[in-house]
Amino acid sequence: MTFALEENADALERLIAHDVAEHAEDAAGDILVLDDRSGALTGWATAKAGERSRVFVRTVSLAHAATVRSAVRRRGESDARLLIAGEDSPKLDLGSFLAEHEFRGSLALGRLPKSLAALEENARFLAKHVSRAKTEMALVLGGATKHMTRSMNDALAAGFADVHGLRGKGKFRCLKASMPRASVEALGPRETPWGGGRITAFGGVFSGAKPDRGGESLARAASAWMTNLSSLGRGAARVLDLGCGNGMLSLALSERASLSGFELSLTATDIDLDAVRSTRATLAPYIDRPGIDVRVTWDDAAARQPSESCDLVLLNPPFHDGTRVDATLVEPLIEAAHRILEPGGQLLLVHNSHLRYRALLERRFAATREVSRDRTFTVLSATK
């Protein structure tokens, strides 16, 4: 039996559904969907799974997770059988998510992640879960052929004994993995000592476990801000790390507060689920320290953060959409920062010096100044 995709499904989604029908048609039970961006694959899986099975979804972007749920409802279907990691479950990694809800299925499908670490992590988690349940598994993941490498096969082979490419169509191709390995361990976090703590990274989080140079420039400016606030005898600093990534900025401020005895109320937030996992691990040593209140949230442009609730917002924004430079990606984040800052509050933003973000801040904030600049990175301060 075949199941139709939505009319707006793209060419890659159609190829993934075709290859699943061609090479894993007999798969039964629950279905796992990875990195669905439009909801088309989840809708297809919901129809295939039938009324007695569930569809598990793990997509790292909160915006994509919201799109998936809306797409299922738009089709007139109940989302009672839909489980989304990070929303319908507090478990953020794939292994814990599958175990918590007792995934019972033999099919997983979706898009190939850009990160080899994310691909290997998910392959290991999935293989470990199904080998414990003593079931078979077919995993079909697709991507743009020009971005695929042999290393992707190797990453999948960490969890599956049989990995091979399927026939491509147009610009796209799928990989199929089967025969989950019986003795496979989860991929541990990557860790790097930095400052007075350790940066921890999971999955495909930006920069991995390494501090990025722009973030280091911003961390120095943020530490100077905290020192100045402390000298004024102010109360606890209310700080938002907007787009926290691996948590390096939050780590720098937490360490600074810990050493100085200055009170810190810190919220770190990101749209990326692996970033949330990573920042929580990076900040774990500071969770129960006196005078430091830490929260890490999965959010889209800090939409759930109250207005006028922060003294300082830190922003190291993305400027790539895939492989394309897109300077407009920062605009909703600047708007969010302006909303969240109290009057007189400050935004510290770092950007690649050639992008010229200053005009964007001057249109929205009362005062903007340059904190530091070199050939690569510029740090700007904007006061509301």
Protein backbone atom coordinates (compact mmCIF):
# COMPACT_ATOMS: atom_id res chain seq x y z
CA MET A 1 0.00 0.00 0.00
CA THR A 2 1.29 3.50 -0.81
CA PHE A 3 0.55 6.69 1.10
CA ALA A 4 0.46 10.12 -0.50
CA LEU A 5 2.58 13.02 0.65
CA GLU A 6 1.16 16.51 0.88
CA GLU A 7 1.15 18.44 -2.40
CA ASN A 8 3.73 20.91 -1.06
CA ALA A 9 6.24 18.16 -0.17
CA ASP A 10 9.63 18.87 -1.72
CA ALA A 11 11.66 16.57 -3.98
CA LEU A 12 13.77 15.17 -1.13
CA GLU A 13 10.72 14.33 0.98
CA ARG A 14 9.17 12.54 -2.00
CA LEU A 15 12.34 10.54 -2.56
CA ILE A 16 12.53 9.54 1.12
CA ALA A 17 8.90 8.33 1.08
CA HIS A 18 9.50 6.49 -2.20
CA ASP A 19 12.61 4.74 -0.91
CA VAL A 20 10.91 3.70 2.33
CA ALA A 21 8.03 2.20 0.33
CA GLU A 22 10.52 0.49 -1.98
CA HIS A 23 12.96 -0.84 0.61
CA ALA A 24 11.12 -0.97 3.96
CA GLU A 25 7.50 -1.55 3.06
CA ASP A 26 7.06 -4.40 5.57
CA ALA A 27 8.12 -2.29 8.57
CA ALA A 28 5.45 -2.38 11.28
CA GLY A 29 4.66 -0.72 14.59
CA ASP A 30 5.75 2.74 15.71
CA ILE A 31 7.65 4.98 13.27
CA LEU A 32 10.44 7.42 14.06
CA VAL A 33 10.82 10.60 11.98
CA LEU A 34 14.07 12.60 12.18
CA ASP A 35 14.53 16.24 11.16
CA ASP A 36 11.16 16.80 9.50
CA ARG A 37 10.97 20.46 8.49
CA SER A 38 7.58 20.73 6.79
CA GLY A 39 5.47 18.06 8.48
CA ALA A 40 5.13 16.14 5.21
CA LEU A 41 7.16 13.14 6.37
CA THR A 42 5.34 13.02 9.70
CA GLY A 43 1.97 13.14 7.94
CA TRP A 44 3.06 10.31 5.66
CA ALA A 45 4.27 8.29 8.65
CA THR A 46 1.02 8.91 10.55
CA ALA A 47 -0.97 7.43 7.66
CA LYS A 48 1.36 4.44 7.33
CA ALA A 49 1.51 3.70 11.07
CA GLY A 50 -2.22 3.13 11.36
CA GLU A 51 -4.45 3.73 14.36
CA ARG A 52 -2.67 1.41 16.80
CA SER A 53 0.85 2.73 16.33
CA ARG A 54 2.54 6.00 17.18
CA VAL A 55 4.80 8.44 15.35
CA PHE A 56 7.87 9.67 17.24
CA VAL A 57 9.48 12.88 15.97
CA ARG A 58 12.84 14.34 16.87
CA THR A 59 13.75 17.53 15.08
CA VAL A 60 16.36 19.85 16.57
CA SER A 61 14.60 23.08 15.59
CA LEU A 62 11.67 24.21 17.75
CA ALA A 63 10.27 26.03 14.72
CA HIS A 64 10.26 22.77 12.77
CA ALA A 65 8.63 20.95 15.70
CA ALA A 66 5.80 23.52 15.71
CA THR A 67 5.44 23.16 11.93
CA VAL A 68 5.18 19.38 12.24
CA ARG A 69 2.38 19.56 14.79
CA SER A 70 0.48 22.20 12.81
CA ALA A 71 0.79 20.14 9.61
CA VAL A 72 -0.68 17.04 11.26
CA ARG A 73 -3.62 19.04 12.59
CA ARG A 74 -4.10 20.79 9.23
CA ARG A 75 -4.59 17.41 7.61
CA GLY A 76 -7.57 16.93 9.93
CA GLU A 77 -5.82 14.22 11.92
CA SER A 78 -5.57 13.92 15.69
CA ASP A 79 -2.08 14.38 17.10
CA ALA A 80 -2.84 12.05 20.00
CA ARG A 81 -0.45 9.46 18.54
CA LEU A 82 2.24 12.07 17.83
CA LEU A 83 5.17 12.35 20.26
CA ILE A 84 7.72 15.15 19.78
CA ALA A 85 11.00 15.10 21.69
CA GLY A 86 11.38 18.18 23.87
CA GLU A 87 7.65 18.98 23.79
CA ASP A 88 5.74 15.78 24.60
CA SER A 89 8.72 14.51 26.55
CA PRO A 90 11.33 16.23 28.74
CA LYS A 91 13.89 13.79 27.33
CA LEU A 92 16.01 15.61 24.77
CA ASP A 93 18.36 12.92 23.48
CA LEU A 94 16.99 10.29 21.11
CA GLY A 95 17.81 7.29 23.29
CA SER A 96 16.02 8.58 26.39
CA PHE A 97 13.07 9.77 24.29
CA LEU A 98 12.57 6.33 22.74
CA ALA A 99 13.00 4.54 26.07
CA GLU A 100 10.64 6.83 28.01
CA HIS A 101 7.74 6.11 25.66
CA GLU A 102 8.74 2.51 24.92
CA PHE A 103 9.18 2.88 21.17
CA ARG A 104 8.11 -0.35 19.48
CA GLY A 105 8.80 -0.16 15.79
CA SER A 106 11.13 -1.16 12.98
CA LEU A 107 11.25 1.95 10.79
CA ALA A 108 12.96 5.33 11.02
CA LEU A 109 13.15 7.91 8.25
CA GLY A 110 14.07 11.53 7.73
CA ARG A 111 16.73 13.95 6.55
CA LEU A 112 20.44 13.48 7.01
CA PRO A 113 21.83 15.98 9.54
CA LYS A 114 24.70 18.24 8.52
CA SER A 115 26.77 17.09 11.49
CA LEU A 116 28.49 13.71 11.46
CA ALA A 117 28.47 13.75 15.27
CA ALA A 118 24.68 14.12 15.27
CA LEU A 119 24.31 11.33 12.70
CA GLU A 120 26.51 8.91 14.65
CA GLU A 121 24.86 9.80 17.95
CA ASN A 122 21.38 9.06 16.60
CA ALA A 123 22.54 5.86 14.88
CA ARG A 124 24.00 4.58 18.13
CA PHE A 125 20.96 5.57 20.20
CA LEU A 126 18.56 3.92 17.76
CA ALA A 127 20.58 0.73 17.38
CA LYS A 128 20.99 0.39 21.14
CA HIS A 129 17.26 0.79 21.74
CA VAL A 130 16.07 -1.70 19.14
CA SER A 131 18.78 -4.26 19.99
CA ARG A 132 17.60 -4.22 23.60
CA ALA A 133 14.03 -4.71 22.38
CA LYS A 134 15.27 -7.53 20.11
CA THR A 135 13.63 -6.08 17.00
CA GLU A 136 14.87 -5.31 13.51
CA MET A 137 15.22 -1.77 12.17
CA ALA A 138 15.38 -0.06 8.80
CA LEU A 139 16.66 3.52 8.79
CA VAL A 140 16.27 5.60 5.60
CA LEU A 141 17.76 9.09 5.58
CA GLY A 142 18.05 11.40 2.59
CA GLY A 143 20.02 14.48 1.63
CA ALA A 144 21.46 16.54 -1.20
CA THR A 145 23.99 14.40 -3.04
CA LYS A 146 26.55 17.22 -3.27
CA HIS A 147 26.68 17.44 0.55
CA MET A 148 26.96 13.68 1.15
CA THR A 149 30.27 11.99 1.93
CA ARG A 150 31.51 8.50 2.65
CA SER A 151 31.93 9.60 6.27
CA MET A 152 28.13 9.54 6.61
CA ASN A 153 28.16 5.81 5.86
CA ASP A 154 30.86 5.38 8.50
CA ALA A 155 28.82 7.34 11.07
CA LEU A 156 25.78 5.12 10.46
CA ALA A 157 27.98 2.02 10.60
CA ALA A 158 28.72 2.80 14.23
CA GLY A 159 25.21 1.52 14.96
CA PHE A 160 24.27 -0.65 11.97
CA ALA A 161 26.08 -3.51 10.25
CA ASP A 162 24.57 -2.94 6.80
CA VAL A 163 24.79 0.58 5.37
CA HIS A 164 24.50 1.39 1.68
CA GLY A 165 23.35 4.10 -0.70
CA LEU A 166 20.10 3.80 -2.62
CA ARG A 167 19.49 4.95 -6.18
CA GLY A 168 19.46 8.74 -6.30
CA LYS A 169 17.02 10.92 -8.17
CA GLY A 170 17.82 14.40 -9.40
CA LYS A 171 19.94 16.18 -6.81
CA PHE A 172 19.09 13.84 -3.92
CA ARG A 173 19.95 10.43 -2.57
CA CYS A 174 19.10 8.26 0.45
CA LEU A 175 21.17 6.01 2.66
CA LYS A 176 19.66 2.88 4.15
CA ALA A 177 20.95 1.32 7.38
CA SER A 178 19.77 -2.02 8.77
CA MET A 179 20.92 -4.89 11.00
CA PRO A 180 21.45 -2.94 14.27
CA ARG A 181 24.60 -3.95 16.09
CA ALA A 182 24.01 -6.00 19.24
CA SER A 183 26.67 -4.34 21.39
CA VAL A 184 26.75 -0.60 20.79
CA GLU A 185 27.24 2.16 23.31
CA ALA A 186 25.86 5.70 23.22
CA LEU A 187 28.20 8.37 21.91
CA GLY A 188 29.46 10.37 24.86
CA PRO A 189 29.65 14.17 24.99
CA ARG A 190 32.64 16.12 23.70
CA GLU A 191 34.27 18.28 26.35
CA THR A 192 36.88 21.04 26.30
CA PRO A 193 38.31 22.86 29.35
CA TRP A 194 37.70 26.59 29.01
CA GLY A 195 38.02 29.37 31.55
CA GLY A 196 37.22 27.89 34.93
CA GLY A 197 34.88 25.21 33.58
CA ARG A 198 34.28 22.86 30.68
CA ILE A 199 32.33 23.36 27.46
CA THR A 200 30.20 20.28 26.71
CA ALA A 201 28.70 19.48 23.31
CA PHE A 202 26.13 17.00 22.07
CA GLY A 203 24.93 16.24 18.57
CA GLY A 204 25.33 18.95 15.95
CA VAL A 205 25.54 21.99 18.22
CA PHE A 206 27.35 24.95 16.63
CA SER A 207 31.12 25.00 17.28
CA GLY A 208 30.98 21.61 19.00
CA ALA A 209 32.81 21.71 22.32
CA LYS A 210 35.17 24.45 21.19
CA PRO A 211 34.93 28.14 22.09
CA ASP A 212 34.43 30.19 18.93
CA ARG A 213 36.51 33.35 18.55
CA GLY A 214 33.53 35.68 18.23
CA GLY A 215 32.04 34.22 21.39
CA GLU A 216 35.30 34.82 23.24
CA SER A 217 35.20 38.52 22.27
CA LEU A 218 31.62 38.74 23.49
CA ALA A 219 32.47 36.92 26.74
CA ARG A 220 35.15 39.50 27.53
CA ALA A 221 32.67 42.34 26.98
CA ALA A 222 30.06 40.61 29.13
CA SER A 223 32.53 40.08 31.98
CA ALA A 224 33.45 43.76 31.86
CA TRP A 225 29.74 44.65 32.02
CA MET A 226 29.29 42.50 35.12
CA THR A 227 32.34 44.05 36.80
CA ASN A 228 30.95 47.53 36.18
CA LEU A 229 27.50 46.58 37.49
CA SER A 230 29.06 45.10 40.62
CA SER A 231 30.96 48.34 41.28
CA LEU A 232 27.65 50.23 41.24
CA GLY A 233 26.29 48.06 44.05
CA ARG A 234 23.35 46.76 42.00
CA GLY A 235 21.37 43.66 42.93
CA ALA A 236 21.34 40.40 41.02
CA ALA A 237 22.10 40.81 37.32
CA ARG A 238 19.33 39.50 35.07
CA VAL A 239 20.97 38.15 31.92
CA LEU A 240 19.61 36.42 28.82
CA ASP A 241 21.96 34.37 26.64
CA LEU A 242 19.96 34.49 23.39
CA GLY A 243 21.04 31.63 21.15
CA CYS A 244 23.20 29.95 23.78
CA GLY A 245 24.78 27.28 21.54
CA ASN A 246 27.20 25.17 23.58
CA GLY A 247 26.80 27.48 26.59
CA MET A 248 30.21 29.16 26.51
CA LEU A 249 28.86 32.68 27.18
CA SER A 250 26.69 31.48 30.05
CA LEU A 251 29.67 29.56 31.40
CA ALA A 252 31.83 32.71 31.34
CA LEU A 253 29.27 34.75 33.29
CA SER A 254 28.53 31.94 35.74
CA GLU A 255 32.22 31.54 36.47
CA ARG A 256 32.62 35.30 36.86
CA ALA A 257 29.69 35.46 39.29
CA SER A 258 30.98 32.47 41.22
CA LEU A 259 34.43 34.00 41.70
CA SER A 260 33.20 37.49 42.57
CA GLY A 261 30.26 36.52 44.77
CA PHE A 262 28.00 38.64 42.56
CA GLU A 263 24.39 37.43 42.25
CA LEU A 264 23.33 36.28 38.79
CA SER A 265 19.92 35.37 37.40
CA LEU A 266 20.68 33.73 34.05
CA THR A 267 18.43 32.39 31.31
CA ALA A 268 20.06 30.61 28.38
CA THR A 269 17.84 29.82 25.42
CA ASP A 270 18.17 28.41 21.92
CA ILE A 271 15.94 27.17 19.10
CA ASP A 272 18.26 24.17 18.67
CA LEU A 273 17.54 21.13 20.85
CA ASP A 274 21.16 19.97 20.84
CA ALA A 275 22.21 23.45 21.98
CA VAL A 276 19.84 23.18 24.95
CA ARG A 277 21.27 19.76 25.84
CA SER A 278 24.80 21.08 25.54
CA THR A 279 24.26 24.23 27.58
CA ARG A 280 22.54 22.30 30.36
CA ALA A 281 25.56 20.04 30.61
CA THR A 282 28.02 22.95 30.41
CA LEU A 283 26.24 24.80 33.22
CA ALA A 284 25.54 21.75 35.40
CA PRO A 285 28.31 22.58 37.95
CA TYR A 286 26.68 25.98 38.60
CA ILE A 287 23.06 24.92 39.03
CA ASP A 288 23.11 24.74 42.84
CA ARG A 289 25.74 27.35 43.62
CA PRO A 290 24.63 30.10 46.02
CA GLY A 291 23.75 33.35 44.30
CA ILE A 292 23.45 31.82 40.82
CA ASP A 293 19.99 31.09 39.37
CA VAL A 294 20.24 29.28 36.02
CA ARG A 295 17.51 28.27 33.53
CA VAL A 296 18.02 26.73 30.09
CA THR A 297 15.05 26.71 27.71
CA TRP A 298 14.15 25.48 24.20
CA ASP A 299 12.55 28.53 22.63
CA ASP A 300 12.23 30.45 19.36
CA ALA A 301 13.76 33.94 19.67
CA ALA A 302 13.01 33.84 23.42
CA ALA A 303 9.27 34.17 22.73
CA ARG A 304 8.40 32.81 26.19
CA GLN A 305 10.65 35.28 28.02
CA PRO A 306 8.67 38.13 29.69
CA SER A 307 9.03 41.64 28.29
CA GLU A 308 11.35 44.08 30.11
CA SER A 309 12.73 41.27 32.26
CA CYS A 310 16.50 41.55 31.69
CA ASP A 311 19.36 43.97 32.29
CA LEU A 312 21.62 42.39 29.67
CA VAL A 313 21.07 40.32 26.52
CA LEU A 314 24.00 38.50 24.90
CA LEU A 315 23.72 37.69 21.20
CA ASN A 316 26.12 35.84 18.92
CA PRO A 317 23.69 35.46 16.01
CA PRO A 318 23.72 33.06 13.06
CA PHE A 319 24.28 34.52 9.62
CA HIS A 320 24.10 31.40 7.45
CA ASP A 321 20.94 29.72 6.17
CA GLY A 322 22.43 26.40 5.14
CA THR A 323 25.42 27.40 3.02
CA ARG A 324 24.00 30.82 2.08
CA VAL A 325 24.93 34.03 3.91
CA ASP A 326 21.74 35.71 5.14
CA ALA A 327 22.26 38.81 7.28
CA THR A 328 18.49 39.16 7.84
CA LEU A 329 18.56 36.18 10.25
CA VAL A 330 19.60 38.55 13.03
CA GLU A 331 16.60 40.90 12.71
CA PRO A 332 14.01 38.89 14.71
CA LEU A 333 16.63 38.30 17.40
CA ILE A 334 17.33 42.03 17.68
CA GLU A 335 13.59 42.66 17.98
CA ALA A 336 13.39 40.01 20.71
CA ALA A 337 16.30 41.57 22.59
CA HIS A 338 14.66 45.01 22.48
CA ARG A 339 11.39 43.60 23.84
CA ILE A 340 13.06 41.68 26.65
CA LEU A 341 15.39 44.42 27.90
CA GLU A 342 14.18 46.79 30.57
CA PRO A 343 14.54 50.54 29.80
CA GLY A 344 18.23 51.34 30.11
CA GLY A 345 19.14 47.67 29.56
CA GLN A 346 21.95 46.71 27.26
CA LEU A 347 22.39 44.38 24.28
CA LEU A 348 25.89 43.07 23.59
CA LEU A 349 26.17 41.63 20.08
CA VAL A 350 29.14 40.13 18.24
CA HIS A 351 29.25 39.77 14.48
CA ASN A 352 31.67 39.20 11.64
CA SER A 353 33.11 42.63 10.97
CA HIS A 354 32.26 42.65 7.26
CA LEU A 355 28.49 42.30 7.91
CA ARG A 356 27.94 45.85 9.23
CA TYR A 357 25.12 45.28 11.75
CA ARG A 358 25.43 48.67 13.44
CA ALA A 359 22.72 50.31 11.33
CA LEU A 360 20.23 47.63 12.40
CA LEU A 361 20.84 48.47 16.06
CA GLU A 362 20.75 52.23 15.54
CA ARG A 363 17.28 51.99 14.01
CA ARG A 364 15.91 50.23 17.09
CA PHE A 365 17.94 51.31 20.13
CA ALA A 366 18.48 54.67 21.79
CA ALA A 367 22.28 54.50 21.73
CA THR A 368 24.79 52.22 20.00
CA ARG A 369 28.55 52.10 20.40
CA GLU A 370 31.44 49.90 19.37
CA VAL A 371 33.02 47.95 22.23
CA SER A 372 35.78 46.20 20.30
CA ARG A 373 36.75 45.47 16.72
CA ASP A 374 39.40 43.52 14.83
CA ARG A 375 39.69 42.23 11.27
CA THR A 376 37.32 39.35 12.02
CA PHE A 377 34.85 40.26 14.79
CA THR A 378 33.10 43.36 16.10
CA VAL A 379 31.31 43.66 19.45
CA LEU A 380 28.57 46.30 19.65
CA SER A 381 26.67 47.64 22.64
CA ALA A 382 23.11 48.93 22.23
CA THR A 383 21.16 50.59 25.05
CA LYS A 384 17.37 50.61 25.16
